[in-house]
Amino acid sequence: MKRLAAVTALLVVLTASCGGGDGTKTVTRQDYEADGNEWPLSDDEVTIRCDGNALSVVLGDEEFALNGFARQKGVPQAVGVDVSAIQEVAMEVC
């Protein structure tokens, strides 16, 4: 029950944090590390896509969902790739 409450709270925060914008933004390793963060991916840059509340990231030539809204639109979830740090960036960008 506590886990369900925690997941629900997280979804509320993610939904509230997303501004619902549209468009794309390229995020580079250099820009990300300039803020003192460790780049979590093997690609040196990614493109974040905002489609309303749906957030996704393009890694190479594949697009992955960063939240449930993107998954509901049919964007596949990343498997074996930790995109949580990029998810935080996407919420700031969108």
C-alpha atoms as a PDB file:
ATOM      1  CA  MET A   1       0.000   0.000   0.000  1.00  0.00           C
ATOM      2  CA  LYS A   2       2.869   2.372   0.836  1.00  0.00           C
ATOM      3  CA  ARG A   3       4.473   1.576  -2.512  1.00  0.00           C
ATOM      4  CA  LEU A   4       1.272   2.424  -4.375  1.00  0.00           C
ATOM      5  CA  ALA A   5       1.045   5.727  -2.498  1.00  0.00           C
ATOM      6  CA  ALA A   6       4.676   6.520  -3.350  1.00  0.00           C
ATOM      7  CA  VAL A   7       4.168   5.728  -7.042  1.00  0.00           C
ATOM      8  CA  THR A   8       0.991   7.815  -7.109  1.00  0.00           C
ATOM      9  CA  ALA A   9       2.786  10.737  -5.457  1.00  0.00           C
ATOM     10  CA  LEU A  10       5.628  10.463  -7.968  1.00  0.00           C
ATOM     11  CA  LEU A  11       3.204  10.527 -10.896  1.00  0.00           C
ATOM     12  CA  VAL A  12       1.488  13.602  -9.471  1.00  0.00           C
ATOM     13  CA  VAL A  13       4.841  15.369  -9.135  1.00  0.00           C
ATOM     14  CA  LEU A  14       5.911  14.396 -12.654  1.00  0.00           C
ATOM     15  CA  THR A  15       2.617  15.553 -14.105  1.00  0.00           C
ATOM     16  CA  ALA A  16       2.716  18.848 -12.236  1.00  0.00           C
ATOM     17  CA  SER A  17       6.334  19.429 -13.209  1.00  0.00           C
ATOM     18  CA  CYS A  18       5.709  19.017 -16.894  1.00  0.00           C
ATOM     19  CA  GLY A  19       4.725  22.297 -18.468  1.00  0.00           C
ATOM     20  CA  GLY A  20       2.938  20.673 -21.355  1.00  0.00           C
ATOM     21  CA  GLY A  21       5.033  22.371 -24.011  1.00  0.00           C
ATOM     22  CA  ASP A  22       5.689  21.143 -27.505  1.00  0.00           C
ATOM     23  CA  GLY A  23       8.965  20.890 -29.383  1.00  0.00           C
ATOM     24  CA  THR A  24      12.447  19.449 -29.099  1.00  0.00           C
ATOM     25  CA  LYS A  25      15.674  20.322 -27.322  1.00  0.00           C
ATOM     26  CA  THR A  26      19.131  18.856 -27.836  1.00  0.00           C
ATOM     27  CA  VAL A  27      21.057  18.170 -24.639  1.00  0.00           C
ATOM     28  CA  THR A  28      24.791  17.498 -24.906  1.00  0.00           C
ATOM     29  CA  ARG A  29      27.196  15.740 -22.588  1.00  0.00           C
ATOM     30  CA  GLN A  30      29.225  18.962 -22.356  1.00  0.00           C
ATOM     31  CA  ASP A  31      26.251  21.090 -21.291  1.00  0.00           C
ATOM     32  CA  TYR A  32      25.039  18.485 -18.812  1.00  0.00           C
ATOM     33  CA  GLU A  33      28.462  18.023 -17.205  1.00  0.00           C
ATOM     34  CA  ALA A  34      29.021  21.820 -17.067  1.00  0.00           C
ATOM     35  CA  ASP A  35      26.391  21.874 -14.311  1.00  0.00           C
ATOM     36  CA  GLY A  36      28.437  19.373 -12.288  1.00  0.00           C
ATOM     37  CA  ASN A  37      26.403  16.320 -13.291  1.00  0.00           C
ATOM     38  CA  GLU A  38      27.767  13.017 -14.533  1.00  0.00           C
ATOM     39  CA  TRP A  39      26.462  12.184 -18.030  1.00  0.00           C
ATOM     40  CA  PRO A  40      24.551   8.892 -17.681  1.00  0.00           C
ATOM     41  CA  LEU A  41      24.520   7.780 -21.324  1.00  0.00           C
ATOM     42  CA  SER A  42      26.928   6.497 -23.973  1.00  0.00           C
ATOM     43  CA  ASP A  43      25.689   8.934 -26.665  1.00  0.00           C
ATOM     44  CA  ASP A  44      27.240  12.418 -26.452  1.00  0.00           C
ATOM     45  CA  GLU A  45      23.931  14.119 -27.145  1.00  0.00           C
ATOM     46  CA  VAL A  46      20.241  13.343 -27.020  1.00  0.00           C
ATOM     47  CA  THR A  47      17.116  15.046 -28.239  1.00  0.00           C
ATOM     48  CA  ILE A  48      14.292  15.569 -25.785  1.00  0.00           C
ATOM     49  CA  ARG A  49      10.809  15.678 -27.293  1.00  0.00           C
ATOM     50  CA  CYS A  50       7.849  17.352 -25.651  1.00  0.00           C
ATOM     51  CA  ASP A  51       4.383  16.569 -26.984  1.00  0.00           C
ATOM     52  CA  GLY A  52       2.012  18.125 -24.501  1.00  0.00           C
ATOM     53  CA  ASN A  53       2.680  16.214 -21.282  1.00  0.00           C
ATOM     54  CA  ALA A  54       4.344  13.323 -23.136  1.00  0.00           C
ATOM     55  CA  LEU A  55       8.118  13.386 -22.677  1.00  0.00           C
ATOM     56  CA  SER A  56      10.492  11.244 -24.708  1.00  0.00           C
ATOM     57  CA  VAL A  57      14.170  11.077 -25.544  1.00  0.00           C
ATOM     58  CA  VAL A  58      15.827  10.182 -28.835  1.00  0.00           C
ATOM     59  CA  LEU A  59      18.972   8.085 -28.380  1.00  0.00           C
ATOM     60  CA  GLY A  60      20.656   7.496 -31.718  1.00  0.00           C
ATOM     61  CA  ASP A  61      17.775   6.647 -34.023  1.00  0.00           C
ATOM     62  CA  GLU A  62      15.419   5.293 -31.351  1.00  0.00           C
ATOM     63  CA  GLU A  63      12.843   7.180 -29.292  1.00  0.00           C
ATOM     64  CA  PHE A  64      12.034   6.155 -25.710  1.00  0.00           C
ATOM     65  CA  ALA A  65       9.291   7.259 -23.338  1.00  0.00           C
ATOM     66  CA  LEU A  66      10.286   9.255 -20.271  1.00  0.00           C
ATOM     67  CA  ASN A  67       6.848   9.166 -18.667  1.00  0.00           C
ATOM     68  CA  GLY A  68       3.499   7.428 -18.766  1.00  0.00           C
ATOM     69  CA  PHE A  69       1.991  10.013 -21.095  1.00  0.00           C
ATOM     70  CA  ALA A  70       4.517   9.099 -23.802  1.00  0.00           C
ATOM     71  CA  ARG A  71       3.935   5.373 -23.205  1.00  0.00           C
ATOM     72  CA  GLN A  72       0.188   5.960 -23.638  1.00  0.00           C
ATOM     73  CA  LYS A  73       0.980   7.478 -27.047  1.00  0.00           C
ATOM     74  CA  GLY A  74       2.809   4.287 -28.043  1.00  0.00           C
ATOM     75  CA  VAL A  75       6.405   5.394 -27.453  1.00  0.00           C
ATOM     76  CA  PRO A  76       8.325   2.367 -26.115  1.00  0.00           C
ATOM     77  CA  GLN A  77       9.904   2.389 -22.681  1.00  0.00           C
ATOM     78  CA  ALA A  78      13.696   2.122 -22.488  1.00  0.00           C
ATOM     79  CA  VAL A  79      14.820  -1.318 -21.336  1.00  0.00           C
ATOM     80  CA  GLY A  80      18.249  -1.629 -19.766  1.00  0.00           C
ATOM     81  CA  VAL A  81      18.921   2.112 -20.056  1.00  0.00           C
ATOM     82  CA  ASP A  82      18.647   4.416 -17.040  1.00  0.00           C
ATOM     83  CA  VAL A  83      16.995   7.569 -18.368  1.00  0.00           C
ATOM     84  CA  SER A  84      15.992   9.009 -14.982  1.00  0.00           C
ATOM     85  CA  ALA A  85      18.579  11.813 -15.110  1.00  0.00           C
ATOM     86  CA  ILE A  86      17.447  12.761 -18.611  1.00  0.00           C
ATOM     87  CA  GLN A  87      13.853  12.638 -17.378  1.00  0.00           C
ATOM     88  CA  GLU A  88      14.682  15.370 -14.859  1.00  0.00           C
ATOM     89  CA  VAL A  89      16.227  17.494 -17.618  1.00  0.00           C
ATOM     90  CA  ALA A  90      13.174  16.933 -19.821  1.00  0.00           C
ATOM     91  CA  MET A  91      10.846  18.181 -17.102  1.00  0.00           C
ATOM     92  CA  GLU A  92      12.918  21.359 -16.815  1.00  0.00           C
ATOM     93  CA  VAL A  93      13.065  21.875 -20.587  1.00  0.00           C
ATOM     94  CA  CYS A  94       9.397  21.194 -21.312  1.00  0.00           C
END
